[in-house]
Protein backbone atom coordinates (compact mmCIF):
# COMPACT_ATOMS: atom_id res chain seq x y z
CA UNK A 1 -22.22 -97.08 -70.61
CA UNK A 2 -18.90 -95.28 -70.06
CA UNK A 3 -20.11 -92.13 -71.86
CA UNK A 4 -22.85 -90.54 -69.75
CA UNK A 5 -21.73 -87.32 -68.10
CA UNK A 6 -18.43 -87.20 -70.00
CA UNK A 7 -17.20 -84.44 -72.31
CA UNK A 8 -14.43 -84.61 -74.90
CA UNK A 9 -12.84 -81.66 -76.69
CA UNK A 10 -10.71 -82.37 -79.75
CA UNK A 11 -7.66 -80.28 -80.59
CA UNK A 12 -9.53 -78.85 -83.57
CA UNK A 13 -12.16 -77.40 -81.23
CA UNK A 14 -14.97 -79.92 -81.68
CA UNK A 15 -16.68 -80.74 -78.38
CA UNK A 16 -18.69 -83.87 -77.59
CA UNK A 17 -21.03 -83.87 -74.57
CA UNK A 18 -22.73 -87.13 -73.59
CA UNK A 19 -25.85 -88.00 -71.60
CA UNK A 20 -27.26 -91.45 -70.90
CA UNK A 21 -29.15 -91.29 -74.20
CA UNK A 22 -27.05 -89.47 -76.75
CA UNK A 23 -24.44 -86.93 -77.75
CA UNK A 24 -24.38 -83.20 -78.50
CA UNK A 25 -21.56 -82.04 -80.77
CA UNK A 26 -20.56 -78.38 -80.81
CA UNK A 27 -18.40 -77.04 -83.61
CA UNK A 28 -17.98 -73.40 -84.52
CA UNK A 29 -21.09 -72.43 -82.58
CA UNK A 30 -23.21 -75.03 -84.37
CA UNK A 31 -24.76 -77.94 -82.48
CA UNK A 32 -25.54 -81.42 -83.80
CA UNK A 33 -27.43 -83.93 -81.68
CA UNK A 34 -27.90 -87.68 -82.07
CA UNK A 35 -29.37 -90.53 -80.06
CA UNK A 36 -27.16 -93.53 -79.32
CA UNK A 37 -29.23 -96.57 -80.29
CA UNK A 38 -26.56 -99.25 -80.03
CA UNK A 39 -23.29 -99.77 -78.17
CA UNK A 40 -20.83 -102.23 -79.70
CA UNK A 41 -18.31 -103.95 -77.46
CA UNK A 42 -18.55 -105.95 -74.23
CA UNK A 43 -16.57 -103.30 -72.38
CA UNK A 44 -13.52 -105.41 -71.54
CA UNK A 45 -11.51 -103.34 -74.03
CA UNK A 46 -13.76 -100.59 -75.29
CA UNK A 47 -17.25 -99.55 -76.36
CA UNK A 48 -18.20 -97.77 -79.58
CA UNK A 49 -21.61 -96.13 -80.10
CA UNK A 50 -23.57 -96.75 -83.28
CA UNK A 51 -26.00 -94.03 -84.32
CA UNK A 52 -28.84 -93.94 -86.81
CA UNK A 53 -28.69 -90.73 -88.82
CA UNK A 54 -31.07 -90.01 -91.70
CA UNK A 55 -31.84 -93.70 -92.07
CA UNK A 56 -28.18 -94.74 -92.17
CA UNK A 57 -26.01 -96.42 -89.55
CA UNK A 58 -23.01 -94.41 -88.38
CA UNK A 59 -20.01 -95.72 -86.43
CA UNK A 60 -19.33 -92.94 -83.92
CA UNK A 61 -16.05 -91.05 -84.11
CA UNK A 62 -15.44 -91.44 -80.38
CA UNK A 63 -15.05 -94.63 -78.34
CA UNK A 64 -14.72 -95.29 -74.62
CA UNK A 65 -11.61 -97.24 -73.57
CA UNK A 66 -11.81 -99.36 -70.43
CA UNK A 67 -8.08 -99.36 -69.56
CA UNK A 68 -7.65 -95.62 -68.99
CA UNK A 69 -11.42 -95.05 -68.57
CA UNK A 70 -11.35 -92.28 -71.14
CA UNK A 71 -12.86 -91.20 -74.43
CA UNK A 72 -10.72 -91.06 -77.55
CA UNK A 73 -10.79 -91.52 -81.31
CA UNK A 74 -12.33 -94.73 -82.64
CA UNK A 75 -9.76 -96.91 -84.48
CA UNK A 76 -9.74 -96.29 -88.20
CA UNK A 77 -11.14 -92.75 -88.01
CA UNK A 78 -9.25 -89.73 -89.34
CA UNK A 79 -7.23 -87.59 -86.93
CA UNK A 80 -8.10 -84.50 -88.97
CA UNK A 81 -10.69 -82.00 -87.76
CA UNK A 82 -14.18 -83.01 -88.97
CA UNK A 83 -15.58 -80.76 -91.69
CA UNK A 84 -18.91 -80.28 -89.87
CA UNK A 85 -21.17 -81.72 -87.19
CA UNK A 86 -22.36 -84.61 -89.34
CA UNK A 87 -18.77 -85.62 -90.10
CA UNK A 88 -18.03 -85.40 -86.37
CA UNK A 89 -20.76 -87.97 -85.70
CA UNK A 90 -18.65 -90.59 -87.41
CA UNK A 91 -18.40 -92.76 -90.49
CA UNK A 92 -21.52 -93.79 -92.41
CA UNK A 93 -21.59 -97.55 -92.98
CA UNK A 94 -22.75 -99.16 -96.20
CA UNK A 95 -25.76 -101.46 -95.98
CA UNK A 96 -23.54 -104.51 -96.45
CA UNK A 97 -21.04 -103.42 -93.83
CA UNK A 98 -23.76 -102.52 -91.34
CA UNK A 99 -25.39 -105.93 -91.76
CA UNK A 100 -22.04 -107.59 -91.14
CA UNK A 101 -21.46 -105.52 -88.00
CA UNK A 102 -24.91 -106.21 -86.56
CA UNK A 103 -24.59 -109.85 -87.55
CA UNK A 104 -21.82 -110.28 -84.99
CA UNK A 105 -22.88 -107.76 -82.34
CA UNK A 106 -26.44 -108.99 -81.96
CA UNK A 107 -28.35 -112.25 -82.19
CA UNK A 108 -31.55 -111.68 -84.16
CA UNK A 109 -32.91 -108.51 -82.60
CA UNK A 110 -31.26 -109.10 -79.21
CA UNK A 111 -28.06 -107.18 -78.40
CA UNK A 112 -24.97 -109.26 -77.76
CA UNK A 113 -23.91 -112.82 -78.48
CA UNK A 114 -26.68 -115.21 -77.50
CA UNK A 115 -26.93 -119.01 -77.91
CA UNK A 116 -28.29 -118.76 -81.45
CA UNK A 117 -25.18 -116.95 -82.65
CA UNK A 118 -23.19 -120.20 -82.48
CA UNK A 119 -25.76 -122.98 -82.06
CA UNK A 120 -28.00 -123.93 -84.94
CA UNK A 121 -30.63 -126.36 -83.59
CA UNK A 122 -30.99 -127.86 -87.06
CA UNK A 123 -27.30 -128.64 -87.54
CA UNK A 124 -24.70 -130.69 -85.73
CA UNK A 125 -21.75 -129.02 -84.05
CA UNK A 126 -18.57 -128.83 -86.15
CA UNK A 127 -16.61 -132.07 -85.82
CA UNK A 128 -13.23 -130.95 -87.17
CA UNK A 129 -10.82 -128.52 -85.57
CA UNK A 130 -10.71 -126.36 -88.67
CA UNK A 131 -14.49 -126.09 -88.65
CA UNK A 132 -14.49 -124.97 -85.00
CA UNK A 133 -12.08 -122.17 -85.82
CA UNK A 134 -14.09 -121.24 -88.90
CA UNK A 135 -17.15 -120.83 -86.69
CA UNK A 136 -15.31 -118.45 -84.34
CA UNK A 137 -13.66 -116.68 -87.25
CA UNK A 138 -17.08 -115.83 -88.63
CA UNK A 139 -17.00 -112.88 -86.24
CA UNK A 140 -13.44 -112.80 -84.95
CA UNK A 141 -12.07 -112.64 -88.52
CA UNK A 142 -10.28 -115.17 -90.68
CA UNK A 143 -7.06 -114.56 -92.61
CA UNK A 144 -7.39 -113.29 -96.16
CA UNK A 145 -7.36 -116.50 -98.26
CA UNK A 146 -5.62 -114.68 -101.12
CA UNK A 147 -2.88 -113.24 -98.93
CA UNK A 148 -2.08 -115.79 -96.23
CA UNK A 149 0.95 -114.72 -94.20
CA UNK A 150 3.29 -116.69 -91.97
CA UNK A 151 3.81 -113.56 -89.85
CA UNK A 152 0.53 -111.61 -90.04
CA UNK A 153 1.33 -109.35 -87.08
CA UNK A 154 4.39 -108.04 -88.94
CA UNK A 155 2.58 -107.51 -92.24
CA UNK A 156 -0.36 -105.81 -90.53
CA UNK A 157 0.01 -104.93 -86.81
CA UNK A 158 -3.77 -104.46 -86.52
CA UNK A 159 -4.26 -108.18 -87.28
CA UNK A 160 -3.55 -109.01 -83.62
CA UNK A 161 -7.10 -107.80 -82.94
CA UNK A 162 -8.33 -110.88 -84.80
CA UNK A 163 -7.21 -114.04 -82.98
CA UNK A 164 -8.01 -116.58 -85.76
CA UNK A 165 -5.58 -114.81 -88.12
CA UNK A 166 -2.59 -115.45 -85.88
CA UNK A 167 -3.80 -118.83 -84.67
CA UNK A 168 -4.11 -120.25 -88.18
CA UNK A 169 -0.52 -119.20 -88.90
CA UNK A 170 0.69 -121.24 -85.90
CA UNK A 171 2.25 -124.69 -86.10
CA UNK A 172 0.19 -125.77 -83.08
CA UNK A 173 -2.97 -125.16 -85.09
CA UNK A 174 -1.56 -126.74 -88.24
CA UNK A 175 -0.76 -129.90 -86.26
CA UNK A 176 -4.51 -130.42 -85.85
CA UNK A 177 -4.37 -130.51 -82.05
CA UNK A 178 -5.32 -126.93 -81.15
CA UNK A 179 -8.51 -124.94 -81.71
CA UNK A 180 -10.08 -121.88 -80.13
CA UNK A 181 -11.99 -123.98 -77.59
CA UNK A 182 -8.78 -125.68 -76.45
CA UNK A 183 -8.17 -122.58 -74.34
CA UNK A 184 -11.44 -120.65 -74.43
CA UNK A 185 -14.74 -121.89 -73.01
CA UNK A 186 -17.26 -119.92 -75.10
CA UNK A 187 -19.78 -120.18 -72.27
CA UNK A 188 -17.51 -118.55 -69.69
CA UNK A 189 -15.96 -115.06 -69.58
CA UNK A 190 -12.79 -116.34 -67.86
CA UNK A 191 -9.94 -117.77 -69.92
CA UNK A 192 -8.53 -121.22 -69.26
CA UNK A 193 -5.02 -121.76 -67.91
CA UNK A 194 -3.15 -121.57 -71.21
CA UNK A 195 0.05 -123.05 -69.75
CA UNK A 196 -1.81 -126.25 -68.82
CA UNK A 197 -3.06 -126.54 -72.40
CA UNK A 198 0.49 -126.05 -73.72
CA UNK A 199 1.88 -128.78 -71.44
CA UNK A 200 -0.67 -131.28 -72.72
CA UNK A 201 1.58 -131.52 -75.80
CA UNK A 202 4.82 -129.90 -74.62
CA UNK A 203 5.44 -131.95 -71.50
CA UNK A 204 8.98 -130.63 -71.07
CA UNK A 205 7.93 -126.99 -71.15
CA UNK A 206 8.79 -124.73 -68.24
CA UNK A 207 6.29 -124.95 -65.34
CA UNK A 208 4.65 -121.62 -66.16
CA UNK A 209 4.80 -118.65 -68.46
CA UNK A 210 4.37 -120.28 -71.89
CA UNK A 211 1.96 -117.66 -73.21
CA UNK A 212 4.00 -114.72 -71.94
CA UNK A 213 6.82 -115.51 -74.37
CA UNK A 214 5.15 -117.48 -77.12
CA UNK A 215 1.98 -115.39 -77.36
CA UNK A 216 3.14 -111.85 -76.51
CA UNK A 217 0.75 -108.99 -75.96
CA UNK A 218 0.69 -106.14 -78.45
CA UNK A 219 -0.87 -102.68 -78.58
CA UNK A 220 -1.50 -101.85 -82.25
CA UNK A 221 -3.43 -98.70 -81.30
CA UNK A 222 -3.52 -96.53 -78.17
CA UNK A 223 -5.48 -97.90 -75.18
CA UNK A 224 -6.03 -101.36 -76.74
CA UNK A 225 -3.92 -104.41 -75.89
CA UNK A 226 -4.40 -107.88 -77.37
CA UNK A 227 -2.78 -111.28 -77.05
CA UNK A 228 -1.09 -112.16 -80.33
CA UNK A 229 -2.41 -115.62 -81.18
CA UNK A 230 0.41 -116.53 -83.57
CA UNK A 231 2.20 -118.99 -81.30
CA UNK A 232 5.93 -118.47 -81.78
């Protein structure tokens, strides 16, 4: 899972030791142990453990990053030294937030995104482009309807993590010709040739390299790199 057998020592002196089942945290001679019940993330970018502590779900303070194959702080967690072992475990999630997290990272009681996450046998597939993007944005995040930005990556660099935010600020999307599935086959892990999709409308575009300039990659946080989906 990227954690087993690894040890991480923070600058403040807190040490995390992982097995294939859980973590032991040592701080000031005190030890805190927890079992890792869930692992969020497909592993292409990172994986973050989710623990159950005293009946509450906790997003672990430490994540594993695929690029450098190393453990480091989970995005959004404080750089300060944890007050105690329980604080070192991570951030307790509210019931509402936990339900939202599990709603995207599992299908029913099955880990991961299965058919039922997108396909409702009782309903027809979305017919309009905007509805297709809305379906994807249910998990991949939609822009804030009360604060729509023309340049979301400048207003909030972390927004590049959420492809629908940038896509819906793009003229290609607003033209009604481009949706998530124009480039991404949701049934396949491999991306389509984006340049071919671009040339379906922009016939005079250069032979290759559209996405490299018009959809640049950005690293809003260490060890994570995303394609900015606001098409320039």
